[in-house]
N, C-alpha and C. Protein backbone atom coordinates (compact mmCIF):
# COMPACT_ATOMS: atom_id res chain seq x y z
N MET A 1 99.62 110.01 103.65
CA MET A 1 100.86 109.85 104.28
C MET A 1 101.40 110.14 105.49
N LEU A 2 102.28 109.55 106.24
CA LEU A 2 102.87 109.86 107.26
C LEU A 2 103.62 110.95 107.69
N PRO A 3 103.37 112.25 108.50
CA PRO A 3 104.01 113.11 108.69
C PRO A 3 105.52 112.84 108.99
N PHE A 4 106.40 113.71 108.34
CA PHE A 4 108.03 113.72 108.57
C PHE A 4 108.33 113.32 109.93
N PHE A 5 107.50 113.90 110.91
CA PHE A 5 108.04 114.01 112.40
C PHE A 5 107.40 113.33 113.19
N SER A 6 106.46 112.31 112.85
CA SER A 6 105.70 111.41 113.49
C SER A 6 106.80 110.08 114.25
N LEU A 7 106.19 109.14 115.13
CA LEU A 7 106.77 108.33 115.62
C LEU A 7 107.17 107.28 114.54
N ASN A 8 106.08 107.08 113.90
CA ASN A 8 106.45 105.65 112.98
C ASN A 8 107.19 106.30 112.09
N ALA A 9 107.60 107.38 111.63
CA ALA A 9 108.36 107.66 110.40
C ALA A 9 109.69 107.84 110.96
N ILE A 10 109.60 108.18 112.12
CA ILE A 10 111.17 108.16 112.95
C ILE A 10 111.62 106.66 113.05
N LEU A 11 110.69 105.72 113.62
CA LEU A 11 111.15 104.56 113.54
C LEU A 11 111.46 103.81 112.27
N ILE A 12 110.62 103.96 111.23
CA ILE A 12 111.08 103.37 109.91
C ILE A 12 112.42 103.68 109.76
N ALA A 13 112.91 104.88 109.68
CA ALA A 13 113.82 105.55 109.46
C ALA A 13 115.16 104.92 110.30
N VAL A 14 114.93 104.69 111.45
CA VAL A 14 115.77 104.12 112.42
C VAL A 14 116.15 102.61 111.92
N PHE A 15 115.23 101.88 111.95
CA PHE A 15 115.13 100.56 111.53
C PHE A 15 115.56 100.29 110.00
N ALA A 16 115.42 101.09 109.21
CA ALA A 16 116.16 100.84 108.03
C ALA A 16 117.24 101.20 107.96
N ILE A 17 117.65 102.02 108.49
CA ILE A 17 119.55 102.50 108.87
C ILE A 17 119.95 101.01 109.61
N LEU A 18 119.27 100.76 110.48
CA LEU A 18 119.78 99.88 111.47
C LEU A 18 120.30 98.53 110.41
N PHE A 19 119.34 98.19 109.93
CA PHE A 19 119.24 97.03 108.91
C PHE A 19 120.40 96.99 107.98
N TYR A 20 120.41 98.31 107.22
CA TYR A 20 121.45 98.84 106.33
C TYR A 20 123.07 98.59 107.00
N ARG A 21 122.98 99.12 107.95
CA ARG A 21 124.45 99.15 108.77
C ARG A 21 124.80 97.66 109.60
N ALA A 22 123.64 96.76 109.76
CA ALA A 22 123.88 95.41 110.18
C ALA A 22 124.71 94.45 108.85
N ALA A 23 123.89 94.84 107.86
CA ALA A 23 124.78 94.19 106.64
C ALA A 23 125.99 94.42 106.49
N GLN A 24 126.36 95.78 106.49
CA GLN A 24 127.70 96.17 106.49
C GLN A 24 128.67 95.74 107.27
N PHE A 25 127.90 95.69 108.85
CA PHE A 25 128.81 95.23 109.63
C PHE A 25 129.00 93.39 109.65
N ASP A 26 128.13 92.85 109.00
CA ASP A 26 128.20 91.48 108.98
C ASP A 26 129.04 90.99 107.43
N ASP A 27 129.80 92.08 106.86
CA ASP A 27 130.45 91.95 105.89
C ASP A 27 129.77 91.75 104.57
N CYS A 28 128.63 91.88 104.16
CA CYS A 28 127.50 91.79 103.22
C CYS A 28 128.05 92.45 102.43
N SER A 29 127.43 92.29 100.92
CA SER A 29 127.72 93.68 99.71
C SER A 29 126.79 94.66 100.28
N LYS A 30 127.10 95.68 99.33
CA LYS A 30 126.20 96.86 99.52
C LYS A 30 124.73 96.74 99.39
N TRP A 31 124.29 95.63 98.21
CA TRP A 31 122.99 95.35 97.89
C TRP A 31 122.15 94.59 98.66
N VAL A 32 122.87 93.74 99.59
CA VAL A 32 122.23 92.98 100.69
C VAL A 32 122.08 94.00 101.63
N GLY A 33 122.66 95.10 101.88
CA GLY A 33 122.00 96.11 102.86
C GLY A 33 120.99 96.61 102.31
N ILE A 34 121.07 96.92 101.09
CA ILE A 34 119.92 97.75 100.41
C ILE A 34 118.55 96.90 100.44
N LEU A 35 118.81 95.60 100.19
CA LEU A 35 117.65 94.76 100.39
C LEU A 35 117.04 94.85 101.49
N TRP A 36 118.06 94.43 102.81
CA TRP A 36 117.68 94.30 104.25
C TRP A 36 116.80 95.44 104.74
N ALA A 37 117.08 96.80 104.03
CA ALA A 37 116.54 98.06 104.45
C ALA A 37 115.23 98.07 103.37
N ILE A 38 114.99 97.55 102.53
CA ILE A 38 113.90 97.75 101.51
C ILE A 38 112.77 96.75 102.53
N LEU A 39 113.46 95.54 102.99
CA LEU A 39 112.45 94.46 103.48
C LEU A 39 111.92 95.23 104.92
N SER A 40 112.87 96.15 105.52
CA SER A 40 112.47 96.44 106.95
C SER A 40 111.36 97.71 106.52
N VAL A 41 111.61 98.68 105.52
CA VAL A 41 110.62 99.67 105.37
C VAL A 41 109.46 98.93 105.05
N ALA A 42 109.56 98.09 103.83
CA ALA A 42 108.23 97.47 103.29
C ALA A 42 107.23 96.74 104.59
N LEU A 43 108.03 96.12 105.45
CA LEU A 43 107.53 95.56 106.72
C LEU A 43 106.69 96.29 107.59
N SER A 44 107.84 97.43 107.73
CA SER A 44 107.33 98.84 108.68
C SER A 44 105.76 99.27 107.88
N LEU A 45 105.78 99.46 106.76
CA LEU A 45 104.44 100.20 106.01
C LEU A 45 103.55 99.30 106.29
N ALA A 46 103.74 98.17 105.99
CA ALA A 46 102.36 96.77 106.28
C ALA A 46 101.80 96.72 107.51
N MET A 47 102.95 96.86 108.38
CA MET A 47 102.16 96.79 109.93
C MET A 47 101.32 97.99 110.36
N THR A 48 101.86 99.06 109.86
CA THR A 48 101.28 100.50 110.41
C THR A 48 100.20 100.71 109.51
N ARG A 49 100.33 100.63 108.18
CA ARG A 49 99.39 100.99 107.00
C ARG A 49 98.28 100.09 106.96
N TRP A 50 98.68 98.74 106.72
CA TRP A 50 97.54 97.84 106.33
C TRP A 50 97.06 96.91 107.63
N LEU A 51 97.79 96.87 108.49
CA LEU A 51 97.36 95.99 109.64
C LEU A 51 96.85 97.00 110.92
N HIS A 52 97.45 98.17 110.49
CA HIS A 52 97.14 99.20 111.88
C HIS A 52 97.41 98.80 113.12
N TRP A 53 98.60 98.16 113.18
CA TRP A 53 99.12 97.91 114.46
C TRP A 53 100.12 99.07 115.27
N GLY A 54 100.35 100.07 114.62
CA GLY A 54 100.92 101.09 115.08
C GLY A 54 102.59 100.62 115.49
N ALA A 55 103.01 101.64 116.54
CA ALA A 55 104.47 101.77 116.80
C ALA A 55 104.91 100.13 117.38
N LEU A 56 103.81 99.80 118.41
CA LEU A 56 104.22 98.40 118.79
C LEU A 56 104.48 97.35 117.82
N GLY A 57 103.33 97.33 117.01
CA GLY A 57 103.35 96.27 115.67
C GLY A 57 104.74 96.25 115.15
N LEU A 58 104.91 97.74 114.68
CA LEU A 58 106.26 97.99 113.93
C LEU A 58 107.65 97.47 114.40
N VAL A 59 107.83 97.78 115.71
CA VAL A 59 108.85 97.18 116.45
C VAL A 59 108.84 95.81 116.47
N LEU A 60 107.69 95.09 116.82
CA LEU A 60 107.46 93.47 116.82
C LEU A 60 108.09 92.69 115.46
N GLY A 61 107.49 93.53 114.47
CA GLY A 61 107.59 93.28 112.96
C GLY A 61 109.43 93.38 112.61
N GLN A 62 110.05 94.22 113.02
CA GLN A 62 111.35 94.54 113.05
C GLN A 62 112.06 93.55 113.78
N VAL A 63 111.48 93.00 114.98
CA VAL A 63 112.36 91.86 115.57
C VAL A 63 112.08 90.72 114.76
N ALA A 64 110.85 90.19 114.27
CA ALA A 64 110.53 89.45 113.70
C ALA A 64 111.42 88.92 112.47
N LEU A 65 111.80 90.06 111.74
CA LEU A 65 112.44 90.35 110.59
C LEU A 65 113.99 90.07 110.95
N PHE A 66 114.52 90.62 111.82
CA PHE A 66 115.92 90.37 112.37
C PHE A 66 115.89 88.81 112.62
N VAL A 67 115.09 88.20 113.21
CA VAL A 67 115.13 86.70 113.77
C VAL A 67 115.16 85.90 112.60
N SER A 68 114.25 86.32 111.53
CA SER A 68 114.03 85.58 110.32
C SER A 68 115.48 85.73 109.56
N ILE A 69 115.88 86.81 109.55
CA ILE A 69 117.42 86.79 108.81
C ILE A 69 118.53 86.10 109.43
N GLY A 70 118.30 85.87 110.72
CA GLY A 70 119.44 85.47 111.21
C GLY A 70 119.18 83.79 110.98
N VAL A 71 117.86 83.33 111.34
CA VAL A 71 117.52 81.86 110.99
C VAL A 71 118.21 81.42 109.53
N TYR A 72 117.85 82.29 108.70
CA TYR A 72 118.06 81.90 107.22
C TYR A 72 119.73 81.93 107.02
N ARG A 73 120.27 83.04 107.74
CA ARG A 73 121.78 82.73 107.49
C ARG A 73 122.38 81.76 108.24
N VAL A 74 121.85 81.12 109.27
CA VAL A 74 122.51 79.83 110.03
C VAL A 74 121.98 78.75 108.97
N ILE A 75 120.90 78.42 108.31
CA ILE A 75 120.49 77.62 107.69
C ILE A 75 121.34 77.55 106.37
N ARG A 76 121.40 78.69 106.04
CA ARG A 76 122.41 78.62 104.67
C ARG A 76 124.07 78.55 104.96
N ASP A 77 124.49 79.01 105.92
CA ASP A 77 125.71 78.43 105.99
C ASP A 77 126.45 77.04 106.55
N ARG A 78 124.98 76.40 106.98
CA ARG A 78 125.38 74.78 107.24
C ARG A 78 125.92 74.21 106.13
């Protein structure tokens, strides 16, 4: 388990909150915000636990998730 005070645990919580708030800012439903937060946490755990990339991999994965959500929304709105 991740210690509560580790850098990775703090980053996971910060990015989950960031994605939830981004969905609210984008006027999406509450469920979309929860989905984005779950995707963020799942990606963070995959990067740190399975791939062992650490904090840098966690941040890069979050950037990739942000870009992929943006690309999906642009394609969907066409």
